[in-house]
Amino acid sequence: MYRCYDAADTLLYVGCSIDPDRRLHEHRRKDWWPQVTRSEVEWFDRPYDAALREWQVSQTENPLHGTPISYIGIRGAPGGPPLNKPGWSRKS
């Protein structure tokens, strides 16, 4: 899960990806991207936990842009598809 902040430490965006570097690069096309001065990445062992945390952050920290994905039905979530893809946790 990653967060993007502006110079005043306002949360601009929160997202979730197995490859945050690639995803952050993709965000460079967004109209809010020029405001980003820093980003933070928080790693989780299971994608469900990362998506749940993304949703929690979106509800409590109120990012200015974007809407959280629904974590219901993602890989590894109870009742969702099985977690059978490698690479969901931080690589050493």
N, C-alpha and C. Protein backbone atom coordinates (compact mmCIF):
# COMPACT_ATOMS: atom_id res chain seq x y z
N MET A 1 0.84 -1.15 0.00
CA MET A 1 0.00 0.00 0.00
C MET A 1 0.90 1.23 0.00
N TYR A 2 0.48 2.25 -0.71
CA TYR A 2 1.31 3.45 -0.78
C TYR A 2 0.46 4.70 -0.60
N ARG A 3 1.12 5.75 -0.14
CA ARG A 3 0.50 7.06 0.04
C ARG A 3 1.34 8.09 -0.71
N CYS A 4 0.66 9.08 -1.26
CA CYS A 4 1.33 10.21 -1.91
C CYS A 4 0.95 11.49 -1.18
N TYR A 5 1.95 12.31 -0.87
CA TYR A 5 1.75 13.55 -0.12
C TYR A 5 2.24 14.75 -0.91
N ASP A 6 1.68 15.93 -0.56
CA ASP A 6 2.19 17.17 -1.15
C ASP A 6 3.18 17.82 -0.18
N ALA A 7 3.64 19.01 -0.51
CA ALA A 7 4.66 19.69 0.29
C ALA A 7 4.17 20.03 1.69
N ALA A 8 2.87 20.18 1.87
CA ALA A 8 2.30 20.49 3.19
C ALA A 8 1.94 19.22 3.96
N ASP A 9 2.36 18.06 3.47
CA ASP A 9 2.05 16.76 4.06
C ASP A 9 0.55 16.42 4.03
N THR A 10 -0.14 16.97 3.06
CA THR A 10 -1.53 16.61 2.84
C THR A 10 -1.56 15.32 2.03
N LEU A 11 -2.37 14.37 2.47
CA LEU A 11 -2.48 13.10 1.75
C LEU A 11 -3.25 13.35 0.46
N LEU A 12 -2.59 13.11 -0.66
CA LEU A 12 -3.22 13.29 -1.96
C LEU A 12 -3.89 12.02 -2.45
N TYR A 13 -3.24 10.88 -2.21
CA TYR A 13 -3.73 9.64 -2.79
C TYR A 13 -3.24 8.46 -1.98
N VAL A 14 -4.05 7.44 -1.86
CA VAL A 14 -3.65 6.17 -1.27
C VAL A 14 -4.00 5.08 -2.27
N GLY A 15 -3.09 4.14 -2.44
CA GLY A 15 -3.31 3.06 -3.39
C GLY A 15 -2.69 1.76 -2.92
N CYS A 16 -2.94 0.72 -3.69
CA CYS A 16 -2.49 -0.61 -3.33
C CYS A 16 -1.97 -1.30 -4.58
N SER A 17 -0.79 -1.87 -4.52
CA SER A 17 -0.21 -2.53 -5.69
C SER A 17 0.87 -3.51 -5.24
N ILE A 18 1.05 -4.59 -6.02
CA ILE A 18 2.15 -5.50 -5.73
C ILE A 18 3.46 -4.93 -6.24
N ASP A 19 3.38 -3.90 -7.08
CA ASP A 19 4.57 -3.23 -7.61
C ASP A 19 4.36 -1.72 -7.50
N PRO A 20 4.55 -1.17 -6.29
CA PRO A 20 4.27 0.25 -6.09
C PRO A 20 5.12 1.17 -6.95
N ASP A 21 6.36 0.81 -7.25
CA ASP A 21 7.18 1.67 -8.11
C ASP A 21 6.56 1.83 -9.49
N ARG A 22 6.10 0.72 -10.05
CA ARG A 22 5.45 0.78 -11.37
C ARG A 22 4.17 1.59 -11.29
N ARG A 23 3.37 1.34 -10.25
CA ARG A 23 2.10 2.04 -10.11
C ARG A 23 2.30 3.53 -9.91
N LEU A 24 3.27 3.91 -9.09
CA LEU A 24 3.54 5.33 -8.90
C LEU A 24 3.97 5.97 -10.22
N HIS A 25 4.75 5.26 -11.01
CA HIS A 25 5.15 5.78 -12.31
C HIS A 25 3.91 6.00 -13.20
N GLU A 26 2.97 5.10 -13.14
CA GLU A 26 1.73 5.25 -13.93
C GLU A 26 0.92 6.46 -13.49
N HIS A 27 1.00 6.81 -12.22
CA HIS A 27 0.25 7.97 -11.71
C HIS A 27 0.77 9.29 -12.26
N ARG A 28 1.95 9.30 -12.83
CA ARG A 28 2.52 10.55 -13.36
C ARG A 28 1.64 11.20 -14.42
N ARG A 29 0.70 10.44 -14.97
CA ARG A 29 -0.24 10.98 -15.97
C ARG A 29 -1.44 11.68 -15.32
N LYS A 30 -1.59 11.53 -14.03
CA LYS A 30 -2.75 12.12 -13.33
C LYS A 30 -2.54 13.63 -13.14
N ASP A 31 -3.65 14.35 -13.13
CA ASP A 31 -3.56 15.80 -12.98
C ASP A 31 -3.03 16.23 -11.62
N TRP A 32 -3.15 15.40 -10.60
CA TRP A 32 -2.68 15.75 -9.26
C TRP A 32 -1.21 15.41 -9.04
N TRP A 33 -0.61 14.66 -9.95
CA TRP A 33 0.76 14.19 -9.74
C TRP A 33 1.79 15.31 -9.51
N PRO A 34 1.72 16.44 -10.22
CA PRO A 34 2.73 17.49 -9.98
C PRO A 34 2.77 18.00 -8.54
N GLN A 35 1.71 17.78 -7.78
CA GLN A 35 1.69 18.20 -6.38
C GLN A 35 2.46 17.24 -5.47
N VAL A 36 2.74 16.02 -5.93
CA VAL A 36 3.38 15.01 -5.09
C VAL A 36 4.84 15.38 -4.84
N THR A 37 5.19 15.44 -3.55
CA THR A 37 6.58 15.71 -3.18
C THR A 37 7.23 14.50 -2.52
N ARG A 38 6.40 13.57 -2.03
CA ARG A 38 6.95 12.34 -1.44
C ARG A 38 5.88 11.26 -1.44
N SER A 39 6.36 10.03 -1.36
CA SER A 39 5.46 8.89 -1.23
C SER A 39 6.03 7.93 -0.20
N GLU A 40 5.15 7.15 0.40
CA GLU A 40 5.53 6.14 1.39
C GLU A 40 4.91 4.82 0.99
N VAL A 41 5.65 3.74 1.21
CA VAL A 41 5.16 2.39 0.92
C VAL A 41 5.10 1.61 2.22
N GLU A 42 3.99 0.94 2.43
CA GLU A 42 3.81 0.06 3.60
C GLU A 42 3.55 -1.35 3.05
N TRP A 43 4.37 -2.31 3.46
CA TRP A 43 4.28 -3.68 2.92
C TRP A 43 3.44 -4.58 3.81
N PHE A 44 2.75 -5.52 3.18
CA PHE A 44 1.92 -6.51 3.87
C PHE A 44 2.21 -7.88 3.28
N ASP A 45 2.01 -8.91 4.10
CA ASP A 45 2.23 -10.28 3.62
C ASP A 45 1.10 -10.78 2.74
N ARG A 46 -0.12 -10.27 2.96
CA ARG A 46 -1.27 -10.74 2.19
C ARG A 46 -1.93 -9.55 1.48
N PRO A 47 -2.37 -9.74 0.25
CA PRO A 47 -3.02 -8.64 -0.48
C PRO A 47 -4.30 -8.17 0.21
N TYR A 48 -5.00 -9.10 0.84
CA TYR A 48 -6.21 -8.71 1.56
C TYR A 48 -5.90 -7.68 2.64
N ASP A 49 -4.82 -7.91 3.39
CA ASP A 49 -4.44 -6.98 4.46
C ASP A 49 -4.07 -5.61 3.89
N ALA A 50 -3.37 -5.61 2.77
CA ALA A 50 -2.99 -4.34 2.14
C ALA A 50 -4.23 -3.59 1.66
N ALA A 51 -5.14 -4.29 1.01
CA ALA A 51 -6.35 -3.65 0.51
C ALA A 51 -7.23 -3.15 1.65
N LEU A 52 -7.32 -3.93 2.72
CA LEU A 52 -8.09 -3.51 3.87
C LEU A 52 -7.48 -2.25 4.47
N ARG A 53 -6.17 -2.20 4.59
CA ARG A 53 -5.49 -1.02 5.13
C ARG A 53 -5.71 0.19 4.21
N GLU A 54 -5.66 -0.04 2.90
CA GLU A 54 -5.93 1.05 1.96
C GLU A 54 -7.32 1.64 2.23
N TRP A 55 -8.29 0.76 2.39
CA TRP A 55 -9.66 1.22 2.66
C TRP A 55 -9.72 1.99 3.98
N GLN A 56 -9.07 1.45 5.03
CA GLN A 56 -9.07 2.13 6.33
C GLN A 56 -8.46 3.53 6.22
N VAL A 57 -7.32 3.61 5.54
CA VAL A 57 -6.65 4.91 5.37
C VAL A 57 -7.55 5.87 4.61
N SER A 58 -8.21 5.37 3.57
CA SER A 58 -9.07 6.25 2.78
C SER A 58 -10.23 6.79 3.62
N GLN A 59 -10.67 6.01 4.60
CA GLN A 59 -11.78 6.43 5.45
C GLN A 59 -11.34 7.36 6.58
N THR A 60 -10.12 7.21 7.06
CA THR A 60 -9.68 7.99 8.23
C THR A 60 -8.76 9.15 7.89
N GLU A 61 -8.03 9.06 6.77
CA GLU A 61 -7.07 10.11 6.43
C GLU A 61 -7.53 10.98 5.27
N ASN A 62 -8.65 10.62 4.64
CA ASN A 62 -9.31 11.43 3.63
C ASN A 62 -8.40 11.96 2.52
N PRO A 63 -7.85 11.09 1.69
CA PRO A 63 -7.03 11.57 0.57
C PRO A 63 -7.85 12.47 -0.35
N LEU A 64 -7.19 13.44 -0.96
CA LEU A 64 -7.89 14.39 -1.81
C LEU A 64 -8.32 13.80 -3.15
N HIS A 65 -7.66 12.75 -3.59
CA HIS A 65 -7.94 12.17 -4.91
C HIS A 65 -8.13 10.66 -4.81
N GLY A 66 -8.91 10.14 -5.76
CA GLY A 66 -9.08 8.69 -5.86
C GLY A 66 -10.14 8.16 -4.92
N THR A 67 -10.53 6.94 -5.20
CA THR A 67 -11.45 6.21 -4.35
C THR A 67 -10.86 4.83 -4.11
N PRO A 68 -11.03 4.28 -2.93
CA PRO A 68 -10.42 2.98 -2.64
C PRO A 68 -11.09 1.86 -3.40
N ILE A 69 -10.30 0.85 -3.72
CA ILE A 69 -10.89 -0.34 -4.33
C ILE A 69 -11.72 -1.06 -3.29
N SER A 70 -12.64 -1.85 -3.73
CA SER A 70 -13.36 -2.69 -2.80
C SER A 70 -12.49 -3.90 -2.52
N TYR A 71 -12.20 -4.15 -1.27
CA TYR A 71 -11.32 -5.27 -0.95
C TYR A 71 -12.05 -6.59 -0.93
N ILE A 72 -13.37 -6.57 -1.08
CA ILE A 72 -14.12 -7.81 -1.11
C ILE A 72 -13.87 -8.51 -2.44
N GLY A 73 -13.48 -9.75 -2.40
CA GLY A 73 -13.26 -10.53 -3.61
C GLY A 73 -11.86 -10.47 -4.16
N ILE A 74 -10.94 -9.74 -3.50
CA ILE A 74 -9.58 -9.76 -4.01
C ILE A 74 -8.89 -11.05 -3.58
N ARG A 75 -7.82 -11.37 -4.23
CA ARG A 75 -7.10 -12.59 -3.92
C ARG A 75 -6.70 -12.62 -2.45
N GLY A 76 -6.99 -13.72 -1.81
CA GLY A 76 -6.63 -13.91 -0.42
C GLY A 76 -7.70 -13.46 0.56
N ALA A 77 -8.72 -12.73 0.08
CA ALA A 77 -9.78 -12.28 0.98
C ALA A 77 -10.72 -13.45 1.28
N PRO A 78 -11.30 -13.47 2.47
CA PRO A 78 -12.27 -14.52 2.77
C PRO A 78 -13.38 -14.53 1.71
N GLY A 79 -13.61 -15.67 1.11
CA GLY A 79 -14.63 -15.77 0.08
C GLY A 79 -14.18 -15.32 -1.30
N GLY A 80 -12.98 -14.80 -1.40
CA GLY A 80 -12.46 -14.32 -2.68
C GLY A 80 -11.63 -15.38 -3.36
N PRO A 81 -11.05 -15.03 -4.50
CA PRO A 81 -10.20 -15.99 -5.20
C PRO A 81 -9.00 -16.39 -4.34
N PRO A 82 -8.46 -17.58 -4.55
CA PRO A 82 -7.32 -18.01 -3.73
C PRO A 82 -6.07 -17.19 -4.03
N LEU A 83 -5.25 -17.06 -3.03
CA LEU A 83 -3.97 -16.38 -3.18
C LEU A 83 -2.98 -17.38 -3.77
N ASN A 84 -2.86 -17.39 -5.07
CA ASN A 84 -1.98 -18.37 -5.70
C ASN A 84 -0.95 -17.71 -6.60
N LYS A 85 -0.79 -16.41 -6.46
CA LYS A 85 0.22 -15.71 -7.25
C LYS A 85 1.37 -15.31 -6.34
N PRO A 86 2.59 -15.56 -6.77
CA PRO A 86 3.74 -15.12 -5.96
C PRO A 86 3.94 -13.62 -6.09
N GLY A 87 4.75 -13.07 -5.20
CA GLY A 87 5.15 -11.68 -5.32
C GLY A 87 4.30 -10.69 -4.57
N TRP A 88 3.41 -11.15 -3.69
CA TRP A 88 2.58 -10.21 -2.97
C TRP A 88 3.31 -9.57 -1.79
N SER A 89 4.34 -10.19 -1.30
CA SER A 89 5.04 -9.61 -0.15
C SER A 89 6.34 -8.98 -0.62
N ARG A 90 6.90 -8.18 0.24
CA ARG A 90 8.12 -7.45 -0.10
C ARG A 90 9.24 -8.41 -0.48
N LYS A 91 9.92 -8.08 -1.54
CA LYS A 91 11.04 -8.92 -1.98
C LYS A 91 12.32 -8.47 -1.28
N SER A 92 13.14 -9.42 -0.92
CA SER A 92 14.39 -9.11 -0.23
C SER A 92 15.44 -8.65 -1.23
